[in-house]
């Protein structure tokens, strides 16, 4: 079959390889691909990541054929899909950057348990003493502590009860097992934003592979 009438959809690798040709064909292919995407001015985090994102884009889709009849159509669809997700992932970059340390602290936090302690203490006390009765208050002799016309001894006691209680809750206990469980659970929930962003461009390529 004549090449002029042979249908051909380039893979991403085909497009990238032709950019290296210092010919009119090479300059034509330079108009297409990840590096030609326009990043909105209000997405500085995505803009700063575009170089690394291109590497991931090329690696993931290198052997996939484009899903459009022409490169011009494919580039428009690529830009449209990029515009659909760029602000979502800009927010993701901002949030992960802002709360990075909080996420790490929470991931290794250990086990959170609630412990309640309560108790009571009852105390008692008593008092006793002597009572002296002096029949002749006018006598200085009788007023002496060592002498009294009459003397009576009485005992008195008093008691008091004191109840104390203590309550402690939400105590954070760090244990090796708890930290391991939290870390294992945390990193599985962690999202690689770069990889997740690039994954959104599956629809820009045919799901066909030639071997």
N, C-alpha and C. Protein backbone atom coordinates (compact mmCIF):
# COMPACT_ATOMS: atom_id res chain seq x y z
N UNK A 1 0.86 -1.19 0.00
CA UNK A 1 0.00 0.00 0.00
C UNK A 1 0.89 1.24 0.00
N UNK A 2 0.47 2.21 -0.75
CA UNK A 2 1.22 3.46 -0.83
C UNK A 2 1.19 4.18 0.51
N UNK A 3 2.36 4.68 0.95
CA UNK A 3 2.43 5.37 2.23
C UNK A 3 1.49 6.56 2.31
N UNK A 4 1.24 7.22 1.18
CA UNK A 4 0.39 8.40 1.18
C UNK A 4 -1.03 8.07 1.58
N UNK A 5 -1.45 6.82 1.38
CA UNK A 5 -2.81 6.43 1.71
C UNK A 5 -2.87 5.50 2.92
N UNK A 6 -1.75 5.40 3.60
CA UNK A 6 -1.70 4.50 4.76
C UNK A 6 -2.04 5.30 6.02
N UNK A 7 -3.11 4.91 6.71
CA UNK A 7 -3.48 5.64 7.93
C UNK A 7 -2.42 5.44 9.00
N UNK A 8 -2.07 6.52 9.67
CA UNK A 8 -1.02 6.42 10.68
C UNK A 8 -1.32 7.39 11.81
N UNK A 9 -1.40 6.85 13.01
CA UNK A 9 -1.53 7.68 14.20
C UNK A 9 -0.24 7.58 14.98
N UNK A 10 0.43 8.69 15.18
CA UNK A 10 1.72 8.63 15.88
C UNK A 10 1.54 8.35 17.36
N UNK A 11 2.53 7.70 17.93
CA UNK A 11 2.60 7.58 19.38
C UNK A 11 3.26 8.84 19.92
N UNK A 12 3.20 9.00 21.21
CA UNK A 12 3.88 10.15 21.81
C UNK A 12 5.38 10.07 21.55
N UNK A 13 5.92 8.89 21.56
CA UNK A 13 7.35 8.73 21.26
C UNK A 13 7.68 9.18 19.84
N UNK A 14 6.79 8.89 18.89
CA UNK A 14 6.99 9.34 17.51
C UNK A 14 7.07 10.87 17.45
N UNK A 15 6.17 11.52 18.15
CA UNK A 15 6.13 12.98 18.14
C UNK A 15 7.40 13.56 18.73
N UNK A 16 7.81 13.01 19.88
CA UNK A 16 9.00 13.53 20.55
C UNK A 16 10.26 13.27 19.73
N UNK A 17 10.35 12.13 19.06
CA UNK A 17 11.54 11.80 18.28
C UNK A 17 11.70 12.74 17.10
N UNK A 18 10.60 13.15 16.50
CA UNK A 18 10.68 14.02 15.33
C UNK A 18 11.03 15.46 15.68
N UNK A 19 10.91 15.82 16.95
CA UNK A 19 11.28 17.17 17.36
C UNK A 19 12.80 17.38 17.29
N UNK A 20 13.55 16.32 17.29
CA UNK A 20 15.01 16.43 17.28
C UNK A 20 15.56 16.68 15.88
N UNK A 21 14.70 16.60 14.88
CA UNK A 21 15.17 16.83 13.51
C UNK A 21 15.23 18.33 13.22
N UNK A 22 16.36 18.81 12.79
CA UNK A 22 16.52 20.23 12.49
C UNK A 22 16.04 20.51 11.06
N UNK A 23 14.77 20.21 10.87
CA UNK A 23 14.15 20.39 9.55
C UNK A 23 12.81 21.05 9.74
N UNK A 24 12.15 21.31 8.63
CA UNK A 24 10.80 21.87 8.72
C UNK A 24 9.87 20.91 9.44
N UNK A 25 10.08 19.61 9.23
CA UNK A 25 9.26 18.62 9.93
C UNK A 25 9.49 18.70 11.43
N UNK A 26 10.74 18.85 11.84
CA UNK A 26 11.05 18.95 13.25
C UNK A 26 10.42 20.17 13.88
N UNK A 27 10.48 21.28 13.20
CA UNK A 27 9.87 22.51 13.72
C UNK A 27 8.35 22.38 13.80
N UNK A 28 7.78 21.59 12.91
CA UNK A 28 6.32 21.37 12.93
C UNK A 28 5.94 20.59 14.19
N UNK A 29 6.66 19.53 14.50
CA UNK A 29 6.32 18.69 15.66
C UNK A 29 6.59 19.39 16.98
N UNK A 30 7.42 20.40 16.96
CA UNK A 30 7.69 21.14 18.19
C UNK A 30 6.47 21.89 18.72
N UNK A 31 5.45 22.00 17.90
CA UNK A 31 4.24 22.73 18.31
C UNK A 31 3.32 21.89 19.19
N UNK A 32 3.69 20.61 19.39
CA UNK A 32 2.78 19.70 20.09
C UNK A 32 3.47 19.06 21.29
N UNK A 33 2.64 18.68 22.23
CA UNK A 33 3.17 17.99 23.40
C UNK A 33 2.94 18.74 24.70
N UNK A 34 3.42 18.15 25.78
CA UNK A 34 3.20 18.69 27.13
C UNK A 34 3.76 20.09 27.29
N UNK A 35 4.94 20.34 26.74
CA UNK A 35 5.60 21.63 26.96
C UNK A 35 4.88 22.77 26.27
N UNK A 36 3.93 22.47 25.39
CA UNK A 36 3.17 23.51 24.71
C UNK A 36 1.88 23.88 25.44
N UNK A 37 1.62 23.22 26.55
CA UNK A 37 0.42 23.55 27.33
C UNK A 37 0.58 24.90 28.01
N UNK A 38 -0.50 25.66 28.06
CA UNK A 38 -0.49 26.98 28.70
C UNK A 38 -1.02 26.85 30.13
N UNK A 39 -0.21 27.29 31.08
CA UNK A 39 -0.57 27.21 32.49
C UNK A 39 -1.17 28.54 32.93
N UNK A 40 -2.35 28.53 33.56
CA UNK A 40 -2.93 29.79 34.04
C UNK A 40 -2.01 30.52 35.01
N UNK A 41 -2.08 31.83 35.01
CA UNK A 41 -1.20 32.63 35.87
C UNK A 41 -1.46 32.41 37.35
N UNK A 42 -2.67 31.97 37.70
CA UNK A 42 -3.00 31.77 39.11
C UNK A 42 -2.70 30.34 39.58
N UNK A 43 -1.84 29.64 38.85
CA UNK A 43 -1.44 28.28 39.24
C UNK A 43 0.09 28.19 39.31
N UNK A 44 0.72 28.92 40.23
CA UNK A 44 2.19 28.93 40.29
C UNK A 44 2.80 27.59 40.69
N UNK A 45 2.11 26.82 41.51
CA UNK A 45 2.66 25.54 41.93
C UNK A 45 2.71 24.55 40.76
N UNK A 46 1.65 24.53 39.97
CA UNK A 46 1.65 23.67 38.78
C UNK A 46 2.72 24.13 37.81
N UNK A 47 2.83 25.44 37.63
CA UNK A 47 3.83 25.99 36.72
C UNK A 47 5.24 25.56 37.12
N UNK A 48 5.52 25.56 38.41
CA UNK A 48 6.84 25.17 38.89
C UNK A 48 7.10 23.68 38.72
N UNK A 49 6.04 22.88 38.59
CA UNK A 49 6.17 21.43 38.48
C UNK A 49 6.15 20.95 37.03
N UNK A 50 5.97 21.83 36.07
CA UNK A 50 5.74 21.41 34.68
C UNK A 50 6.90 20.58 34.11
N UNK A 51 8.12 20.89 34.47
CA UNK A 51 9.26 20.12 33.98
C UNK A 51 9.22 18.68 34.46
N UNK A 52 8.98 18.49 35.74
CA UNK A 52 8.89 17.13 36.29
C UNK A 52 7.65 16.41 35.77
N UNK A 53 6.57 17.15 35.60
CA UNK A 53 5.35 16.54 35.07
C UNK A 53 5.54 16.05 33.64
N UNK A 54 6.33 16.78 32.85
CA UNK A 54 6.59 16.35 31.48
C UNK A 54 7.32 15.01 31.46
N UNK A 55 8.28 14.84 32.35
CA UNK A 55 9.01 13.57 32.42
C UNK A 55 8.04 12.42 32.70
N UNK A 56 7.15 12.62 33.65
CA UNK A 56 6.18 11.58 33.97
C UNK A 56 5.20 11.35 32.82
N UNK A 57 4.81 12.42 32.17
CA UNK A 57 3.89 12.33 31.02
C UNK A 57 4.53 11.51 29.90
N UNK A 58 5.76 11.82 29.57
CA UNK A 58 6.45 11.10 28.49
C UNK A 58 6.68 9.64 28.85
N UNK A 59 7.02 9.38 30.10
CA UNK A 59 7.26 7.99 30.51
C UNK A 59 5.98 7.16 30.48
N UNK A 60 4.90 7.74 30.91
CA UNK A 60 3.64 6.98 31.00
C UNK A 60 3.02 6.71 29.64
N UNK A 61 3.10 7.68 28.74
CA UNK A 61 2.36 7.57 27.48
C UNK A 61 3.26 7.41 26.25
N UNK A 62 4.53 7.10 26.44
CA UNK A 62 5.48 7.06 25.32
C UNK A 62 5.01 6.19 24.17
N UNK A 63 4.46 5.03 24.46
CA UNK A 63 4.12 4.08 23.40
C UNK A 63 2.61 4.06 23.09
N UNK A 64 1.92 5.09 23.52
CA UNK A 64 0.48 5.19 23.26
C UNK A 64 0.24 6.10 22.06
N UNK A 65 -0.70 5.72 21.20
CA UNK A 65 -1.06 6.53 20.04
C UNK A 65 -2.06 7.60 20.44
N UNK A 66 -1.96 8.75 19.80
CA UNK A 66 -2.87 9.86 20.11
C UNK A 66 -4.29 9.47 19.69
N UNK A 67 -5.27 10.11 20.31
CA UNK A 67 -6.67 9.74 20.06
C UNK A 67 -7.38 10.71 19.13
N UNK A 68 -6.64 11.40 18.29
CA UNK A 68 -7.23 12.36 17.35
C UNK A 68 -6.68 12.12 15.96
N UNK A 69 -7.43 12.58 14.96
CA UNK A 69 -7.01 12.37 13.57
C UNK A 69 -5.80 13.23 13.20
N UNK A 70 -5.69 14.39 13.81
CA UNK A 70 -4.56 15.26 13.50
C UNK A 70 -3.90 15.71 14.79
N UNK A 71 -2.65 16.11 14.68
CA UNK A 71 -1.92 16.61 15.84
C UNK A 71 -2.54 17.89 16.39
N UNK A 72 -3.05 18.73 15.50
CA UNK A 72 -3.69 19.97 15.93
C UNK A 72 -4.90 19.68 16.81
N UNK A 73 -5.71 18.71 16.39
CA UNK A 73 -6.88 18.34 17.18
C UNK A 73 -6.45 17.75 18.53
N UNK A 74 -5.42 16.95 18.48
CA UNK A 74 -4.94 16.31 19.71
C UNK A 74 -4.44 17.36 20.70
N UNK A 75 -3.72 18.36 20.22
CA UNK A 75 -3.19 19.39 21.12
C UNK A 75 -4.31 20.20 21.75
N UNK A 76 -5.36 20.46 20.99
CA UNK A 76 -6.51 21.19 21.54
C UNK A 76 -7.18 20.36 22.64
N UNK A 77 -7.34 19.08 22.39
CA UNK A 77 -7.96 18.21 23.39
C UNK A 77 -7.06 18.08 24.62
N UNK A 78 -5.76 18.05 24.40
CA UNK A 78 -4.82 17.96 25.51
C UNK A 78 -4.91 19.21 26.38
N UNK A 79 -4.99 20.38 25.76
CA UNK A 79 -5.11 21.63 26.51
C UNK A 79 -6.44 21.70 27.25
N UNK A 80 -7.50 21.21 26.60
CA UNK A 80 -8.81 21.22 27.23
C UNK A 80 -8.83 20.36 28.50
N UNK A 81 -8.21 19.20 28.41
CA UNK A 81 -8.17 18.33 29.57
C UNK A 81 -7.29 18.92 30.67
N UNK A 82 -6.21 19.53 30.28
CA UNK A 82 -5.33 20.19 31.24
C UNK A 82 -6.08 21.30 31.98
N UNK A 83 -6.84 22.10 31.24
CA UNK A 83 -7.61 23.19 31.86
C UNK A 83 -8.65 22.66 32.83
N UNK A 84 -9.14 21.48 32.56
CA UNK A 84 -10.17 20.88 33.42
C UNK A 84 -9.63 20.55 34.81
N UNK A 85 -8.37 20.17 34.88
CA UNK A 85 -7.82 19.68 36.14
C UNK A 85 -6.79 20.59 36.79
N UNK A 86 -6.30 21.60 36.09
CA UNK A 86 -5.15 22.34 36.59
C UNK A 86 -5.43 23.04 37.92
N UNK A 87 -6.61 23.62 38.08
CA UNK A 87 -6.90 24.32 39.33
C UNK A 87 -7.13 23.34 40.49
N UNK A 88 -7.66 22.17 40.19
CA UNK A 88 -7.85 21.16 41.23
C UNK A 88 -6.50 20.76 41.83
N UNK A 89 -5.53 20.51 40.95
CA UNK A 89 -4.23 20.06 41.44
C UNK A 89 -3.39 21.21 41.98
N UNK A 90 -3.65 22.42 41.54
CA UNK A 90 -3.01 23.58 42.17
C UNK A 90 -3.40 23.64 43.65
N UNK A 91 -4.68 23.43 43.95
CA UNK A 91 -5.13 23.43 45.35
C UNK A 91 -4.49 22.28 46.11
N UNK A 92 -4.38 21.14 45.45
CA UNK A 92 -3.77 19.98 46.12
C UNK A 92 -2.32 20.27 46.50
N UNK A 93 -1.57 20.88 45.60
CA UNK A 93 -0.18 21.24 45.90
C UNK A 93 -0.11 22.21 47.08
N UNK A 94 -0.99 23.19 47.08
CA UNK A 94 -1.00 24.19 48.16
C UNK A 94 -1.30 23.53 49.50
N UNK A 95 -2.31 22.68 49.55
CA UNK A 95 -2.71 22.04 50.81
C UNK A 95 -1.63 21.09 51.32
N UNK A 96 -1.04 20.32 50.45
CA UNK A 96 0.00 19.39 50.88
C UNK A 96 1.23 20.15 51.38
N UNK A 97 1.53 21.27 50.75
CA UNK A 97 2.66 22.07 51.19
C UNK A 97 2.38 22.74 52.53
N UNK A 98 1.17 23.26 52.69
CA UNK A 98 0.81 23.98 53.91
C UNK A 98 0.76 23.06 55.12
N UNK A 99 0.23 21.87 54.96
CA UNK A 99 0.01 20.98 56.09
C UNK A 99 0.94 19.77 56.09
N UNK A 100 2.08 19.91 55.45
CA UNK A 100 3.01 18.79 55.37
C UNK A 100 3.45 18.30 56.74
N UNK A 101 3.88 19.23 57.62
CA UNK A 101 4.35 18.83 58.93
C UNK A 101 3.23 18.26 59.78
N UNK A 102 2.03 18.85 59.67
CA UNK A 102 0.89 18.33 60.43
C UNK A 102 0.57 16.90 60.02
N UNK A 103 0.65 16.62 58.72
CA UNK A 103 0.36 15.26 58.25
C UNK A 103 1.40 14.28 58.76
N UNK A 104 2.67 14.69 58.79
CA UNK A 104 3.72 13.81 59.30
C UNK A 104 3.55 13.55 60.79
N UNK A 105 3.23 14.60 61.55
CA UNK A 105 3.03 14.44 62.99
C UNK A 105 1.85 13.53 63.27
N UNK A 106 0.78 13.70 62.53
CA UNK A 106 -0.41 12.88 62.73
C UNK A 106 -0.15 11.43 62.34
N UNK A 107 0.69 11.24 61.32
CA UNK A 107 0.97 9.90 60.83
C UNK A 107 1.71 9.05 61.86
N UNK A 108 2.60 9.68 62.64
CA UNK A 108 3.40 8.93 63.61
C UNK A 108 2.88 9.10 65.03
N UNK A 109 1.67 9.60 65.18
CA UNK A 109 1.17 10.02 66.48
C UNK A 109 1.10 8.96 67.55
N UNK A 110 0.98 7.69 67.22
CA UNK A 110 0.82 6.67 68.23
C UNK A 110 -0.64 6.37 68.46
N UNK A 111 -0.92 5.77 69.61
CA UNK A 111 -2.28 5.38 69.91
C UNK A 111 -2.93 6.41 70.84
N UNK A 112 -4.14 6.78 70.53
CA UNK A 112 -4.89 7.69 71.40
C UNK A 112 -5.89 6.89 72.21
N UNK A 113 -5.73 6.90 73.50
CA UNK A 113 -6.64 6.16 74.37
C UNK A 113 -7.27 7.13 75.36
N UNK A 114 -8.41 6.76 75.88
CA UNK A 114 -9.05 7.54 76.92
C UNK A 114 -8.93 6.79 78.23
N UNK A 115 -8.30 7.41 79.21
CA UNK A 115 -8.09 6.80 80.51
C UNK A 115 -8.76 7.66 81.56
N UNK A 116 -9.56 7.03 82.40
CA UNK A 116 -10.23 7.75 83.48
C UNK A 116 -9.83 7.11 84.80
N UNK A 117 -9.28 7.92 85.70
CA UNK A 117 -8.93 7.44 87.02
C UNK A 117 -9.78 8.19 88.03
N UNK A 118 -10.34 7.47 88.99
CA UNK A 118 -11.11 8.13 90.04
C UNK A 118 -10.81 7.43 91.36
N UNK A 119 -10.88 8.18 92.45
CA UNK A 119 -10.61 7.60 93.76
C UNK A 119 -11.14 8.49 94.86
N UNK A 120 -11.20 7.98 96.05
CA UNK A 120 -11.69 8.78 97.18
C UNK A 120 -10.82 8.51 98.39
N UNK A 121 -10.70 9.49 99.23
CA UNK A 121 -9.90 9.38 100.44
C UNK A 121 -10.67 10.03 101.58
N UNK A 122 -10.88 9.28 102.64
CA UNK A 122 -11.62 9.79 103.80
C UNK A 122 -10.63 9.94 104.96
N UNK A 123 -10.54 11.15 105.51
CA UNK A 123 -9.64 11.40 106.64
C UNK A 123 -10.42 11.76 107.89
N UNK A 124 -9.93 11.36 109.08
CA UNK A 124 -10.59 11.69 110.34
C UNK A 124 -9.54 12.18 111.34
N UNK A 125 -9.96 13.01 112.30
CA UNK A 125 -9.04 13.51 113.33
C UNK A 125 -9.76 13.65 114.66
N UNK A 126 -9.02 13.62 115.73
CA UNK A 126 -9.64 13.74 117.07
C UNK A 126 -8.77 14.66 117.94
N UNK A 127 -9.40 15.25 118.94
CA UNK A 127 -8.72 16.12 119.87
C UNK A 127 -9.10 15.73 121.30
N UNK A 128 -8.17 15.82 122.26
CA UNK A 128 -8.46 15.58 123.68
C UNK A 128 -7.66 16.57 124.53
N UNK A 129 -8.12 16.88 125.72
CA UNK A 129 -7.40 17.84 126.57
C UNK A 129 -7.93 17.84 128.00
N UNK A 130 -7.18 18.51 128.87
CA UNK A 130 -7.57 18.61 130.27
C UNK A 130 -8.34 19.90 130.52
N UNK A 131 -9.27 19.81 131.44
CA UNK A 131 -10.01 20.99 131.87
C UNK A 131 -9.81 21.14 133.39
N UNK A 132 -9.28 22.27 133.80
CA UNK A 132 -9.06 22.52 135.22
C UNK A 132 -10.11 23.50 135.74
N UNK A 133 -10.66 23.17 136.89
CA UNK A 133 -11.63 24.05 137.54
C UNK A 133 -11.01 24.56 138.85
N UNK A 134 -10.92 25.84 139.00
CA UNK A 134 -10.32 26.44 140.20
C UNK A 134 -11.44 27.05 141.03
N UNK A 135 -11.55 26.55 142.26
CA UNK A 135 -12.64 27.01 143.11
C UNK A 135 -12.37 28.37 143.72
N UNK A 136 -11.08 28.74 143.88
CA UNK A 136 -10.76 30.01 144.52
C UNK A 136 -10.00 30.87 143.53
N UNK A 137 -10.67 31.48 142.61
CA UNK A 137 -10.01 32.27 141.57
C UNK A 137 -9.20 33.43 142.11
N UNK A 138 -9.52 33.84 143.41
CA UNK A 138 -8.76 34.96 143.94
C UNK A 138 -7.39 34.54 144.43
N UNK A 139 -7.17 33.31 144.60
CA UNK A 139 -5.89 32.84 145.13
C UNK A 139 -4.90 32.68 144.01
N UNK A 140 -3.81 33.32 144.10
CA UNK A 140 -2.78 33.23 143.08
C UNK A 140 -2.13 31.86 143.10
N UNK A 141 -2.12 31.27 144.28
CA UNK A 141 -1.53 29.92 144.40
C UNK A 141 -2.35 28.92 143.62
N UNK A 142 -3.64 29.01 143.86
CA UNK A 142 -4.53 28.06 143.18
C UNK A 142 -4.52 28.25 141.67
N UNK A 143 -4.13 29.42 141.29
CA UNK A 143 -4.12 29.69 139.85
C UNK A 143 -2.92 29.06 139.15
N UNK A 144 -2.00 28.53 140.00
CA UNK A 144 -0.84 27.90 139.41
C UNK A 144 -1.25 26.63 138.67
N UNK A 145 -0.55 26.35 137.56
CA UNK A 145 -0.90 25.18 136.75
C UNK A 145 -0.72 23.88 137.51
N UNK A 146 0.13 23.90 138.54
CA UNK A 146 0.40 22.66 139.27
C UNK A 146 -0.57 22.42 140.43
N UNK A 147 -1.50 23.33 140.59
CA UNK A 147 -2.39 23.19 141.74
C UNK A 147 -3.79 23.62 141.37
N UNK A 148 -4.76 22.89 141.90
CA UNK A 148 -6.15 23.29 141.71
C UNK A 148 -6.98 22.66 142.80
N UNK A 149 -7.97 23.40 143.29
CA UNK A 149 -8.86 22.85 144.30
C UNK A 149 -9.62 21.66 143.75
N UNK A 150 -9.99 21.74 142.52
CA UNK A 150 -10.65 20.59 141.89
C UNK A 150 -10.20 20.53 140.43
N UNK A 151 -10.17 19.35 139.98
CA UNK A 151 -9.70 19.17 138.61
C UNK A 151 -10.52 18.09 137.92
N UNK A 152 -10.94 18.37 136.76
CA UNK A 152 -11.67 17.36 135.98
C UNK A 152 -11.01 17.21 134.61
N UNK A 153 -11.04 16.01 134.15
CA UNK A 153 -10.43 15.73 132.84
C UNK A 153 -11.50 15.27 131.87
N UNK A 154 -11.49 15.87 130.82
CA UNK A 154 -12.49 15.49 129.81
C UNK A 154 -11.79 15.27 128.46
N UNK A 155 -12.34 14.42 127.68
CA UNK A 155 -11.80 14.14 126.34
C UNK A 155 -12.81 14.55 125.29
N UNK A 156 -12.32 15.19 124.29
CA UNK A 156 -13.19 15.59 123.18
C UNK A 156 -12.57 15.17 121.87
N UNK A 157 -13.35 14.88 120.97
CA UNK A 157 -12.83 14.48 119.65
C UNK A 157 -13.69 15.08 118.56
N UNK A 158 -13.04 15.32 117.45
CA UNK A 158 -13.76 15.83 116.27
C UNK A 158 -13.20 15.13 115.04
N UNK A 159 -14.00 14.97 114.11
CA UNK A 159 -13.57 14.27 112.89
C UNK A 159 -14.05 15.02 111.67
N UNK A 160 -13.32 14.83 110.63
CA UNK A 160 -13.70 15.45 109.36
C UNK A 160 -13.45 14.47 108.23
N UNK A 161 -14.29 14.47 107.29
CA UNK A 161 -14.18 13.58 106.14
C UNK A 161 -13.86 14.39 104.89
N UNK A 162 -12.83 13.96 104.11
CA UNK A 162 -12.45 14.64 102.88
C UNK A 162 -12.45 13.63 101.74
N UNK A 163 -13.15 13.95 100.73
CA UNK A 163 -13.21 13.07 99.56
C UNK A 163 -12.54 13.76 98.38
N UNK A 164 -11.60 13.08 97.78
CA UNK A 164 -10.90 13.65 96.62
C UNK A 164 -11.10 12.72 95.42
N UNK A 165 -11.15 13.29 94.25
CA UNK A 165 -11.31 12.50 93.03
C UNK A 165 -10.45 13.10 91.93
N UNK A 166 -10.03 12.28 90.99
CA UNK A 166 -9.17 12.72 89.91
C UNK A 166 -9.65 12.07 88.62
N UNK A 167 -9.68 12.82 87.56
CA UNK A 167 -10.11 12.29 86.27
C UNK A 167 -9.17 12.77 85.18
N UNK A 168 -8.65 11.85 84.40
CA UNK A 168 -7.77 12.19 83.29
C UNK A 168 -8.31 11.52 82.03
N UNK A 169 -8.40 12.27 80.98
CA UNK A 169 -8.95 11.71 79.73
C UNK A 169 -8.11 12.15 78.55
N UNK A 170 -8.31 11.46 77.44
CA UNK A 170 -7.62 11.77 76.18
C UNK A 170 -6.10 11.79 76.36
N UNK A 171 -5.59 10.74 76.88
CA UNK A 171 -4.15 10.61 77.07
C UNK A 171 -3.56 9.96 75.83
N UNK A 172 -2.54 10.58 75.26
CA UNK A 172 -1.87 10.05 74.07
C UNK A 172 -0.71 9.17 74.52
N UNK A 173 -0.81 7.92 74.17
CA UNK A 173 0.22 6.96 74.53
C UNK A 173 0.94 6.53 73.26
N UNK A 174 2.23 6.76 73.21
CA UNK A 174 3.01 6.38 72.04
C UNK A 174 3.61 5.00 72.27
N UNK A 175 3.23 4.09 71.42
CA UNK A 175 3.77 2.75 71.48
C UNK A 175 4.36 2.40 70.12
N UNK A 176 5.33 1.51 70.12
CA UNK A 176 5.95 1.12 68.86
C UNK A 176 4.95 0.55 67.88
N UNK A 177 4.08 -0.32 68.36
CA UNK A 177 3.09 -0.94 67.49
C UNK A 177 2.11 0.09 66.94
N UNK A 178 1.69 1.01 67.81
CA UNK A 178 0.76 2.04 67.36
C UNK A 178 1.36 2.95 66.31
N UNK A 179 2.62 3.32 66.47
CA UNK A 179 3.29 4.19 65.51
C UNK A 179 3.43 3.49 64.16
N UNK A 180 3.81 2.22 64.18
CA UNK A 180 3.95 1.46 62.93
C UNK A 180 2.61 1.38 62.20
N UNK A 181 1.55 1.08 62.95
CA UNK A 181 0.22 0.98 62.33
C UNK A 181 -0.19 2.30 61.70
N UNK A 182 0.06 3.39 62.41
CA UNK A 182 -0.32 4.70 61.88
C UNK A 182 0.48 5.06 60.64
N UNK A 183 1.78 4.78 60.66
CA UNK A 183 2.61 5.10 59.50
C UNK A 183 2.19 4.27 58.29
N UNK A 184 1.99 2.97 58.50
CA UNK A 184 1.58 2.11 57.38
C UNK A 184 0.24 2.54 56.81
N UNK A 185 -0.68 2.90 57.69
CA UNK A 185 -1.98 3.36 57.22
C UNK A 185 -1.87 4.72 56.54
N UNK A 186 -1.03 5.60 57.09
CA UNK A 186 -0.90 6.96 56.56
C UNK A 186 -0.29 7.01 55.19
N UNK A 187 0.81 6.25 54.97
CA UNK A 187 1.46 6.38 53.67
C UNK A 187 0.63 5.75 52.56
N UNK A 188 -0.25 4.80 52.91
CA UNK A 188 -1.13 4.23 51.89
C UNK A 188 -2.21 5.23 51.47
N UNK A 189 -2.53 6.14 52.35
CA UNK A 189 -3.51 7.18 52.01
C UNK A 189 -2.86 8.36 51.29
N UNK A 190 -1.55 8.46 51.41
CA UNK A 190 -0.83 9.59 50.80
C UNK A 190 -0.96 9.53 49.29
N UNK A 191 -1.19 10.67 48.68
CA UNK A 191 -1.37 10.76 47.23
C UNK A 191 -0.16 11.44 46.62
N UNK A 192 0.45 10.78 45.64
CA UNK A 192 1.51 11.41 44.85
C UNK A 192 0.80 12.32 43.84
N UNK A 193 0.81 13.61 44.11
CA UNK A 193 0.02 14.54 43.30
C UNK A 193 0.49 14.54 41.85
N UNK A 194 1.80 14.50 41.63
CA UNK A 194 2.32 14.50 40.26
C UNK A 194 1.78 13.31 39.47
N UNK A 195 1.89 12.12 40.03
CA UNK A 195 1.43 10.92 39.34
C UNK A 195 -0.08 10.95 39.13
N UNK A 196 -0.79 11.43 40.13
CA UNK A 196 -2.25 11.48 40.03
C UNK A 196 -2.70 12.47 38.95
N UNK A 197 -1.98 13.57 38.85
CA UNK A 197 -2.29 14.58 37.83
C UNK A 197 -2.09 13.99 36.43
N UNK A 198 -0.96 13.35 36.21
CA UNK A 198 -0.66 12.79 34.89
C UNK A 198 -1.65 11.67 34.53
N UNK A 199 -2.13 10.97 35.51
CA UNK A 199 -3.08 9.89 35.27
C UNK A 199 -4.37 10.40 34.62
N UNK A 200 -4.68 11.67 34.78
CA UNK A 200 -5.91 12.23 34.23
C UNK A 200 -5.88 12.35 32.70
N UNK A 201 -4.73 12.08 32.07
CA UNK A 201 -4.61 12.25 30.62
C UNK A 201 -4.68 10.93 29.86
N UNK A 202 -5.20 9.91 30.50
CA UNK A 202 -5.40 8.62 29.83
C UNK A 202 -6.28 8.78 28.59
N UNK A 203 -7.29 9.63 28.69
CA UNK A 203 -8.22 9.81 27.57
C UNK A 203 -7.60 10.55 26.39
N UNK A 204 -6.39 11.05 26.55
CA UNK A 204 -5.74 11.73 25.42
C UNK A 204 -5.03 10.75 24.48
N UNK A 205 -5.09 9.47 24.82
CA UNK A 205 -4.42 8.45 24.02
C UNK A 205 -5.33 7.25 23.83
N UNK A 206 -5.09 6.52 22.76
CA UNK A 206 -5.80 5.27 22.53
C UNK A 206 -5.25 4.20 23.47
N UNK A 207 -6.14 3.36 23.92
CA UNK A 207 -5.70 2.29 24.81
C UNK A 207 -5.30 1.07 24.00
N UNK A 208 -4.37 1.30 23.09
CA UNK A 208 -3.85 0.24 22.21
C UNK A 208 -2.34 0.22 22.31
N UNK A 209 -1.79 -0.97 22.31
CA UNK A 209 -0.34 -1.12 22.38
C UNK A 209 0.09 -2.08 21.28
N UNK A 210 1.11 -1.69 20.55
CA UNK A 210 1.66 -2.53 19.49
C UNK A 210 2.97 -3.12 19.94
N UNK A 211 3.11 -4.41 19.79
CA UNK A 211 4.33 -5.10 20.21
C UNK A 211 5.01 -5.74 19.01
